[in-house]
Amino acid sequence: MNSTKCRQTVYLPMIDMAATGRNIARLRREAGLTVRQMQDVFGFSTPQAIYKWQRGEALPTLDNMTVLSRTLGVLMEEIIVYQSTEKEAC
């Protein structure tokens, strides 16, 4: 029986939450919006969710990501920052 290992490297995209948060903050500033204005857009009673997004502690839900991309005038793909992770697969 042949015991040769299959070594194929697969690159899996993973969201870099910290970099995505910094990106959200940068895009918000470039759009000329304050956190308070963003809070009003989303109808949040407090700005905590937006601060968590910007710190990379949480990501917007898909619905909120859609609103965020429209509000900032960019595609969702321009908001999310990915990092590649290597994984061996057979």
PDB file of N, CA and C in Angstrom:
ATOM      1  N   MET A   1       0.843  -1.166   0.000  1.00  0.00           N
ATOM      2  CA  MET A   1       0.000   0.000   0.000  1.00  0.00           C
ATOM      3  C   MET A   1       0.893   1.235   0.000  1.00  0.00           C
ATOM      4  N   ASN A   2       0.591   2.189  -0.825  1.00  0.00           N
ATOM      5  CA  ASN A   2       1.378   3.405  -0.962  1.00  0.00           C
ATOM      6  C   ASN A   2       0.968   4.415   0.105  1.00  0.00           C
ATOM      7  N   SER A   3       1.935   4.900   0.872  1.00  0.00           N
ATOM      8  CA  SER A   3       1.633   5.857   1.943  1.00  0.00           C
ATOM      9  C   SER A   3       2.033   7.284   1.565  1.00  0.00           C
ATOM     10  N   THR A   4       2.070   7.594   0.274  1.00  0.00           N
ATOM     11  CA  THR A   4       2.417   8.932  -0.179  1.00  0.00           C
ATOM     12  C   THR A   4       1.305   9.900   0.212  1.00  0.00           C
ATOM     13  N   LYS A   5       1.703  10.997   0.824  1.00  0.00           N
ATOM     14  CA  LYS A   5       0.722  11.999   1.243  1.00  0.00           C
ATOM     15  C   LYS A   5       0.380  12.916   0.077  1.00  0.00           C
ATOM     16  N   CYS A   6      -0.858  13.264   0.018  1.00  0.00           N
ATOM     17  CA  CYS A   6      -1.326  14.231  -0.967  1.00  0.00           C
ATOM     18  C   CYS A   6      -1.078  15.619  -0.393  1.00  0.00           C
ATOM     19  N   ARG A   7      -0.298  16.410  -1.058  1.00  0.00           N
ATOM     20  CA  ARG A   7       0.007  17.757  -0.567  1.00  0.00           C
ATOM     21  C   ARG A   7      -0.409  18.789  -1.606  1.00  0.00           C
ATOM     22  N   GLN A   8      -1.620  19.191  -1.501  1.00  0.00           N
ATOM     23  CA  GLN A   8      -2.143  20.247  -2.357  1.00  0.00           C
ATOM     24  C   GLN A   8      -2.520  21.399  -1.444  1.00  0.00           C
ATOM     25  N   THR A   9      -1.985  22.576  -1.714  1.00  0.00           N
ATOM     26  CA  THR A   9      -2.281  23.728  -0.887  1.00  0.00           C
ATOM     27  C   THR A   9      -3.470  24.470  -1.470  1.00  0.00           C
ATOM     28  N   VAL A  10      -4.427  24.738  -0.608  1.00  0.00           N
ATOM     29  CA  VAL A  10      -5.619  25.483  -0.983  1.00  0.00           C
ATOM     30  C   VAL A  10      -5.597  26.790  -0.206  1.00  0.00           C
ATOM     31  N   TYR A  11      -5.919  27.879  -0.851  1.00  0.00           N
ATOM     32  CA  TYR A  11      -5.963  29.180  -0.197  1.00  0.00           C
ATOM     33  C   TYR A  11      -7.408  29.557   0.061  1.00  0.00           C
ATOM     34  N   LEU A  12      -7.740  29.681   1.329  1.00  0.00           N
ATOM     35  CA  LEU A  12      -9.096  30.005   1.731  1.00  0.00           C
ATOM     36  C   LEU A  12      -9.166  31.481   2.119  1.00  0.00           C
ATOM     37  N   PRO A  13     -10.081  32.234   1.517  1.00  0.00           N
ATOM     38  CA  PRO A  13     -10.214  33.638   1.918  1.00  0.00           C
ATOM     39  C   PRO A  13     -10.927  33.729   3.256  1.00  0.00           C
ATOM     40  N   MET A  14     -10.382  34.524   4.145  1.00  0.00           N
ATOM     41  CA  MET A  14     -11.009  34.790   5.436  1.00  0.00           C
ATOM     42  C   MET A  14     -11.080  36.293   5.615  1.00  0.00           C
ATOM     43  N   ILE A  15     -12.137  36.753   6.227  1.00  0.00           N
ATOM     44  CA  ILE A  15     -12.286  38.185   6.444  1.00  0.00           C
ATOM     45  C   ILE A  15     -11.334  38.628   7.551  1.00  0.00           C
ATOM     46  N   ASP A  16     -10.569  39.650   7.268  1.00  0.00           N
ATOM     47  CA  ASP A  16      -9.702  40.282   8.265  1.00  0.00           C
ATOM     48  C   ASP A  16     -10.558  41.345   8.949  1.00  0.00           C
ATOM     49  N   MET A  17     -11.069  41.022  10.125  1.00  0.00           N
ATOM     50  CA  MET A  17     -12.018  41.911  10.799  1.00  0.00           C
ATOM     51  C   MET A  17     -11.406  43.252  11.179  1.00  0.00           C
ATOM     52  N   ALA A  18     -10.172  43.253  11.662  1.00  0.00           N
ATOM     53  CA  ALA A  18      -9.525  44.505  12.061  1.00  0.00           C
ATOM     54  C   ALA A  18      -9.315  45.415  10.850  1.00  0.00           C
ATOM     55  N   ALA A  19      -8.810  44.850   9.765  1.00  0.00           N
ATOM     56  CA  ALA A  19      -8.574  45.643   8.552  1.00  0.00           C
ATOM     57  C   ALA A  19      -9.891  46.103   7.933  1.00  0.00           C
ATOM     58  N   THR A  20     -10.921  45.260   8.001  1.00  0.00           N
ATOM     59  CA  THR A  20     -12.235  45.653   7.490  1.00  0.00           C
ATOM     60  C   THR A  20     -12.792  46.804   8.319  1.00  0.00           C
ATOM     61  N   GLY A  21     -12.614  46.743   9.626  1.00  0.00           N
ATOM     62  CA  GLY A  21     -13.067  47.834  10.491  1.00  0.00           C
ATOM     63  C   GLY A  21     -12.371  49.143  10.177  1.00  0.00           C
ATOM     64  N   ARG A  22     -11.057  49.080   9.992  1.00  0.00           N
ATOM     65  CA  ARG A  22     -10.309  50.295   9.624  1.00  0.00           C
ATOM     66  C   ARG A  22     -10.793  50.819   8.277  1.00  0.00           C
ATOM     67  N   ASN A  23     -11.117  49.903   7.373  1.00  0.00           N
ATOM     68  CA  ASN A  23     -11.608  50.290   6.058  1.00  0.00           C
ATOM     69  C   ASN A  23     -12.968  50.979   6.157  1.00  0.00           C
ATOM     70  N   ILE A  24     -13.851  50.453   6.999  1.00  0.00           N
ATOM     71  CA  ILE A  24     -15.162  51.078   7.196  1.00  0.00           C
ATOM     72  C   ILE A  24     -14.992  52.497   7.728  1.00  0.00           C
ATOM     73  N   ALA A  25     -14.117  52.675   8.708  1.00  0.00           N
ATOM     74  CA  ALA A  25     -13.874  54.007   9.271  1.00  0.00           C
ATOM     75  C   ALA A  25     -13.319  54.956   8.211  1.00  0.00           C
ATOM     76  N   ARG A  26     -12.370  54.469   7.423  1.00  0.00           N
ATOM     77  CA  ARG A  26     -11.771  55.304   6.372  1.00  0.00           C
ATOM     78  C   ARG A  26     -12.817  55.694   5.328  1.00  0.00           C
ATOM     79  N   LEU A  27     -13.592  54.729   4.864  1.00  0.00           N
ATOM     80  CA  LEU A  27     -14.620  55.006   3.852  1.00  0.00           C
ATOM     81  C   LEU A  27     -15.689  55.964   4.386  1.00  0.00           C
ATOM     82  N   ARG A  28     -16.049  55.816   5.659  1.00  0.00           N
ATOM     83  CA  ARG A  28     -17.024  56.728   6.269  1.00  0.00           C
ATOM     84  C   ARG A  28     -16.492  58.154   6.264  1.00  0.00           C
ATOM     85  N   ARG A  29     -15.221  58.315   6.679  1.00  0.00           N
ATOM     86  CA  ARG A  29     -14.621  59.655   6.693  1.00  0.00           C
ATOM     87  C   ARG A  29     -14.530  60.228   5.285  1.00  0.00           C
ATOM     88  N   GLU A  30     -14.120  59.400   4.315  1.00  0.00           N
ATOM     89  CA  GLU A  30     -14.010  59.865   2.928  1.00  0.00           C
ATOM     90  C   GLU A  30     -15.369  60.282   2.370  1.00  0.00           C
ATOM     91  N   ALA A  31     -16.425  59.647   2.844  1.00  0.00           N
ATOM     92  CA  ALA A  31     -17.778  60.001   2.402  1.00  0.00           C
ATOM     93  C   ALA A  31     -18.290  61.240   3.134  1.00  0.00           C
ATOM     94  N   GLY A  32     -17.513  61.725   4.104  1.00  0.00           N
ATOM     95  CA  GLY A  32     -17.889  62.925   4.836  1.00  0.00           C
ATOM     96  C   GLY A  32     -18.998  62.698   5.854  1.00  0.00           C
ATOM     97  N   LEU A  33     -19.097  61.472   6.351  1.00  0.00           N
ATOM     98  CA  LEU A  33     -20.150  61.129   7.302  1.00  0.00           C
ATOM     99  C   LEU A  33     -19.588  60.963   8.709  1.00  0.00           C
ATOM    100  N   THR A  34     -20.361  61.413   9.693  1.00  0.00           N
ATOM    101  CA  THR A  34     -20.000  61.190  11.083  1.00  0.00           C
ATOM    102  C   THR A  34     -20.623  59.877  11.541  1.00  0.00           C
ATOM    103  N   VAL A  35     -20.161  59.391  12.676  1.00  0.00           N
ATOM    104  CA  VAL A  35     -20.752  58.183  13.246  1.00  0.00           C
ATOM    105  C   VAL A  35     -22.223  58.448  13.570  1.00  0.00           C
ATOM    106  N   ARG A  36     -22.532  59.625  14.056  1.00  0.00           N
ATOM    107  CA  ARG A  36     -23.920  59.999  14.370  1.00  0.00           C
ATOM    108  C   ARG A  36     -24.794  59.944  13.111  1.00  0.00           C
ATOM    109  N   GLN A  37     -24.280  60.431  11.994  1.00  0.00           N
ATOM    110  CA  GLN A  37     -25.040  60.365  10.743  1.00  0.00           C
ATOM    111  C   GLN A  37     -25.267  58.922  10.315  1.00  0.00           C
ATOM    112  N   MET A  38     -24.248  58.087  10.497  1.00  0.00           N
ATOM    113  CA  MET A  38     -24.397  56.666  10.163  1.00  0.00           C
ATOM    114  C   MET A  38     -25.435  56.022  11.078  1.00  0.00           C
ATOM    115  N   GLN A  39     -25.419  56.385  12.330  1.00  0.00           N
ATOM    116  CA  GLN A  39     -26.397  55.872  13.284  1.00  0.00           C
ATOM    117  C   GLN A  39     -27.809  56.193  12.808  1.00  0.00           C
ATOM    118  N   ASP A  40     -28.008  57.409  12.328  1.00  0.00           N
ATOM    119  CA  ASP A  40     -29.325  57.815  11.823  1.00  0.00           C
ATOM    120  C   ASP A  40     -29.719  57.032  10.575  1.00  0.00           C
ATOM    121  N   VAL A  41     -28.753  56.785   9.679  1.00  0.00           N
ATOM    122  CA  VAL A  41     -29.029  56.019   8.461  1.00  0.00           C
ATOM    123  C   VAL A  41     -29.560  54.634   8.818  1.00  0.00           C
ATOM    124  N   PHE A  42     -28.941  54.000   9.795  1.00  0.00           N
ATOM    125  CA  PHE A  42     -29.321  52.642  10.175  1.00  0.00           C
ATOM    126  C   PHE A  42     -30.486  52.601  11.161  1.00  0.00           C
ATOM    127  N   GLY A  43     -30.833  53.748  11.741  1.00  0.00           N
ATOM    128  CA  GLY A  43     -31.916  53.789  12.704  1.00  0.00           C
ATOM    129  C   GLY A  43     -31.550  53.169  14.038  1.00  0.00           C
ATOM    130  N   PHE A  44     -30.253  53.148  14.347  1.00  0.00           N
ATOM    131  CA  PHE A  44     -29.796  52.598  15.621  1.00  0.00           C
ATOM    132  C   PHE A  44     -30.063  53.617  16.730  1.00  0.00           C
ATOM    133  N   SER A  45     -30.425  53.138  17.908  1.00  0.00           N
ATOM    134  CA  SER A  45     -30.659  54.044  19.035  1.00  0.00           C
ATOM    135  C   SER A  45     -29.343  54.521  19.654  1.00  0.00           C
ATOM    136  N   THR A  46     -28.269  53.739  19.475  1.00  0.00           N
ATOM    137  CA  THR A  46     -26.938  54.124  19.946  1.00  0.00           C
ATOM    138  C   THR A  46     -25.935  53.845  18.821  1.00  0.00           C
ATOM    139  N   PRO A  47     -24.765  54.459  18.880  1.00  0.00           N
ATOM    140  CA  PRO A  47     -23.767  54.250  17.830  1.00  0.00           C
ATOM    141  C   PRO A  47     -22.865  53.044  18.073  1.00  0.00           C
ATOM    142  N   GLN A  48     -23.137  52.258  19.112  1.00  0.00           N
ATOM    143  CA  GLN A  48     -22.214  51.193  19.514  1.00  0.00           C
ATOM    144  C   GLN A  48     -21.916  50.188  18.409  1.00  0.00           C
ATOM    145  N   ALA A  49     -22.917  49.809  17.619  1.00  0.00           N
ATOM    146  CA  ALA A  49     -22.683  48.834  16.538  1.00  0.00           C
ATOM    147  C   ALA A  49     -21.678  49.383  15.531  1.00  0.00           C
ATOM    148  N   ILE A  50     -21.813  50.642  15.191  1.00  0.00           N
ATOM    149  CA  ILE A  50     -20.887  51.249  14.219  1.00  0.00           C
ATOM    150  C   ILE A  50     -19.478  51.303  14.787  1.00  0.00           C
ATOM    151  N   TYR A  51     -19.352  51.657  16.055  1.00  0.00           N
ATOM    152  CA  TYR A  51     -18.024  51.656  16.682  1.00  0.00           C
ATOM    153  C   TYR A  51     -17.425  50.250  16.708  1.00  0.00           C
ATOM    154  N   LYS A  52     -18.245  49.241  16.973  1.00  0.00           N
ATOM    155  CA  LYS A  52     -17.753  47.861  16.966  1.00  0.00           C
ATOM    156  C   LYS A  52     -17.285  47.450  15.575  1.00  0.00           C
ATOM    157  N   TRP A  53     -18.016  47.877  14.545  1.00  0.00           N
ATOM    158  CA  TRP A  53     -17.583  47.579  13.169  1.00  0.00           C
ATOM    159  C   TRP A  53     -16.219  48.213  12.921  1.00  0.00           C
ATOM    160  N   GLN A  54     -16.086  49.485  13.289  1.00  0.00           N
ATOM    161  CA  GLN A  54     -14.850  50.224  13.020  1.00  0.00           C
ATOM    162  C   GLN A  54     -13.659  49.685  13.811  1.00  0.00           C
ATOM    163  N   ARG A  55     -13.898  49.098  14.970  1.00  0.00           N
ATOM    164  CA  ARG A  55     -12.817  48.507  15.765  1.00  0.00           C
ATOM    165  C   ARG A  55     -12.529  47.068  15.356  1.00  0.00           C
ATOM    166  N   GLY A  56     -13.332  46.518  14.461  1.00  0.00           N
ATOM    167  CA  GLY A  56     -13.134  45.153  14.022  1.00  0.00           C
ATOM    168  C   GLY A  56     -13.608  44.124  15.035  1.00  0.00           C
ATOM    169  N   GLU A  57     -14.474  44.531  15.934  1.00  0.00           N
ATOM    170  CA  GLU A  57     -15.014  43.618  16.952  1.00  0.00           C
ATOM    171  C   GLU A  57     -16.232  42.861  16.443  1.00  0.00           C
ATOM    172  N   ALA A  58     -16.864  43.396  15.412  1.00  0.00           N
ATOM    173  CA  ALA A  58     -18.051  42.770  14.826  1.00  0.00           C
ATOM    174  C   ALA A  58     -18.130  43.190  13.367  1.00  0.00           C
ATOM    175  N   LEU A  59     -18.879  42.424  12.607  1.00  0.00           N
ATOM    176  CA  LEU A  59     -19.121  42.762  11.204  1.00  0.00           C
ATOM    177  C   LEU A  59     -20.602  43.083  11.021  1.00  0.00           C
ATOM    178  N   PRO A  60     -20.919  43.978  10.089  1.00  0.00           N
ATOM    179  CA  PRO A  60     -22.329  44.243   9.814  1.00  0.00           C
ATOM    180  C   PRO A  60     -23.009  42.983   9.276  1.00  0.00           C
ATOM    181  N   THR A  61     -24.294  42.838   9.574  1.00  0.00           N
ATOM    182  CA  THR A  61     -25.059  41.756   8.971  1.00  0.00           C
ATOM    183  C   THR A  61     -25.095  41.996   7.465  1.00  0.00           C
ATOM    184  N   LEU A  62     -25.515  41.006   6.722  1.00  0.00           N
ATOM    185  CA  LEU A  62     -25.591  41.165   5.267  1.00  0.00           C
ATOM    186  C   LEU A  62     -26.526  42.308   4.886  1.00  0.00           C
ATOM    187  N   ASP A  63     -27.650  42.422   5.569  1.00  0.00           N
ATOM    188  CA  ASP A  63     -28.572  43.536   5.300  1.00  0.00           C
ATOM    189  C   ASP A  63     -27.897  44.879   5.577  1.00  0.00           C
ATOM    190  N   ASN A  64     -27.222  44.973   6.722  1.00  0.00           N
ATOM    191  CA  ASN A  64     -26.539  46.222   7.061  1.00  0.00           C
ATOM    192  C   ASN A  64     -25.358  46.492   6.144  1.00  0.00           C
ATOM    193  N   MET A  65     -24.689  45.439   5.684  1.00  0.00           N
ATOM    194  CA  MET A  65     -23.580  45.621   4.739  1.00  0.00           C
ATOM    195  C   MET A  65     -24.091  46.211   3.431  1.00  0.00           C
ATOM    196  N   THR A  66     -25.272  45.784   3.010  1.00  0.00           N
ATOM    197  CA  THR A  66     -25.874  46.325   1.790  1.00  0.00           C
ATOM    198  C   THR A  66     -26.160  47.811   1.953  1.00  0.00           C
ATOM    199  N   VAL A  67     -26.751  48.185   3.080  1.00  0.00           N
ATOM    200  CA  VAL A  67     -27.040  49.597   3.349  1.00  0.00           C
ATOM    201  C   VAL A  67     -25.734  50.383   3.454  1.00  0.00           C
ATOM    202  N   LEU A  68     -24.742  49.809   4.109  1.00  0.00           N
ATOM    203  CA  LEU A  68     -23.448  50.468   4.269  1.00  0.00           C
ATOM    204  C   LEU A  68     -22.804  50.738   2.915  1.00  0.00           C
ATOM    205  N   SER A  69     -22.816  49.759   2.037  1.00  0.00           N
ATOM    206  CA  SER A  69     -22.193  49.951   0.722  1.00  0.00           C
ATOM    207  C   SER A  69     -22.917  51.031  -0.077  1.00  0.00           C
ATOM    208  N   ARG A  70     -24.227  51.054  -0.014  1.00  0.00           N
ATOM    209  CA  ARG A  70     -24.987  52.094  -0.729  1.00  0.00           C
ATOM    210  C   ARG A  70     -24.735  53.469  -0.117  1.00  0.00           C
ATOM    211  N   THR A  71     -24.683  53.534   1.195  1.00  0.00           N
ATOM    212  CA  THR A  71     -24.465  54.806   1.888  1.00  0.00           C
ATOM    213  C   THR A  71     -23.077  55.364   1.597  1.00  0.00           C
ATOM    214  N   LEU A  72     -22.090  54.473   1.553  1.00  0.00           N
ATOM    215  CA  LEU A  72     -20.714  54.913   1.298  1.00  0.00           C
ATOM    216  C   LEU A  72     -20.402  55.055  -0.189  1.00  0.00           C
ATOM    217  N   GLY A  73     -21.297  54.548  -1.030  1.00  0.00           N
ATOM    218  CA  GLY A  73     -21.095  54.661  -2.474  1.00  0.00           C
ATOM    219  C   GLY A  73     -20.033  53.726  -3.022  1.00  0.00           C
ATOM    220  N   VAL A  74     -19.885  52.561  -2.390  1.00  0.00           N
ATOM    221  CA  VAL A  74     -18.902  51.574  -2.848  1.00  0.00           C
ATOM    222  C   VAL A  74     -19.564  50.198  -2.881  1.00  0.00           C
ATOM    223  N   LEU A  75     -18.924  49.270  -3.571  1.00  0.00           N
ATOM    224  CA  LEU A  75     -19.392  47.891  -3.586  1.00  0.00           C
ATOM    225  C   LEU A  75     -19.031  47.210  -2.268  1.00  0.00           C
ATOM    226  N   MET A  76     -19.796  46.202  -1.894  1.00  0.00           N
ATOM    227  CA  MET A  76     -19.480  45.467  -0.669  1.00  0.00           C
ATOM    228  C   MET A  76     -18.065  44.911  -0.716  1.00  0.00           C
ATOM    229  N   GLU A  77     -17.619  44.491  -1.898  1.00  0.00           N
ATOM    230  CA  GLU A  77     -16.272  43.940  -2.055  1.00  0.00           C
ATOM    231  C   GLU A  77     -15.192  44.963  -1.736  1.00  0.00           C
ATOM    232  N   GLU A  78     -15.535  46.247  -1.810  1.00  0.00           N
ATOM    233  CA  GLU A  78     -14.574  47.294  -1.489  1.00  0.00           C
ATOM    234  C   GLU A  78     -14.522  47.583   0.006  1.00  0.00           C
ATOM    235  N   ILE A  79     -15.489  47.089   0.745  1.00  0.00           N
ATOM    236  CA  ILE A  79     -15.526  47.289   2.194  1.00  0.00           C
ATOM    237  C   ILE A  79     -14.768  46.178   2.906  1.00  0.00           C
ATOM    238  N   ILE A  80     -14.980  44.957   2.465  1.00  0.00           N
ATOM    239  CA  ILE A  80     -14.413  43.787   3.125  1.00  0.00           C
ATOM    240  C   ILE A  80     -12.955  43.596   2.731  1.00  0.00           C
ATOM    241  N   VAL A  81     -12.108  43.347   3.721  1.00  0.00           N
ATOM    242  CA  VAL A  81     -10.692  43.076   3.493  1.00  0.00           C
ATOM    243  C   VAL A  81     -10.460  41.604   3.819  1.00  0.00           C
ATOM    244  N   TYR A  82      -9.851  40.891   2.893  1.00  0.00           N
ATOM    245  CA  TYR A  82      -9.613  39.462   3.065  1.00  0.00           C
ATOM    246  C   TYR A  82      -8.151  39.181   3.365  1.00  0.00           C
ATOM    247  N   GLN A  83      -7.926  38.096   4.053  1.00  0.00           N
ATOM    248  CA  GLN A  83      -6.585  37.555   4.223  1.00  0.00           C
ATOM    249  C   GLN A  83      -6.648  36.101   3.739  1.00  0.00           C
ATOM    250  N   SER A  84      -5.614  35.633   3.114  1.00  0.00           N
ATOM    251  CA  SER A  84      -5.591  34.250   2.636  1.00  0.00           C
ATOM    252  C   SER A  84      -4.999  33.342   3.699  1.00  0.00           C
ATOM    253  N   THR A  85      -5.587  32.192   3.846  1.00  0.00           N
ATOM    254  CA  THR A  85      -5.114  31.190   4.771  1.00  0.00           C
ATOM    255  C   THR A  85      -4.813  29.931   3.991  1.00  0.00           C
ATOM    256  N   GLU A  86      -3.627  29.376   4.196  1.00  0.00           N
ATOM    257  CA  GLU A  86      -3.251  28.148   3.505  1.00  0.00           C
ATOM    258  C   GLU A  86      -3.789  26.943   4.261  1.00  0.00           C
ATOM    259  N   LYS A  87      -4.212  25.964   3.489  1.00  0.00           N
ATOM    260  CA  LYS A  87      -4.682  24.726   4.082  1.00  0.00           C
ATOM    261  C   LYS A  87      -4.318  23.589   3.133  1.00  0.00           C
ATOM    262  N   GLU A  88      -3.814  22.500   3.687  1.00  0.00           N
ATOM    263  CA  GLU A  88      -3.510  21.336   2.871  1.00  0.00           C
ATOM    264  C   GLU A  88      -4.779  20.542   2.646  1.00  0.00           C
ATOM    265  N   ALA A  89      -4.972  20.123   1.411  1.00  0.00           N
ATOM    266  CA  ALA A  89      -6.152  19.339   1.073  1.00  0.00           C
ATOM    267  C   ALA A  89      -5.752  18.217   0.123  1.00  0.00           C
ATOM    268  N   CYS A  90      -6.519  17.159   0.108  1.00  0.00           N
ATOM    269  CA  CYS A  90      -6.280  16.026  -0.804  1.00  0.00           C
ATOM    270  C   CYS A  90      -7.485  15.863  -1.693  1.00  0.00           C
TER     271      CYS A  90
END
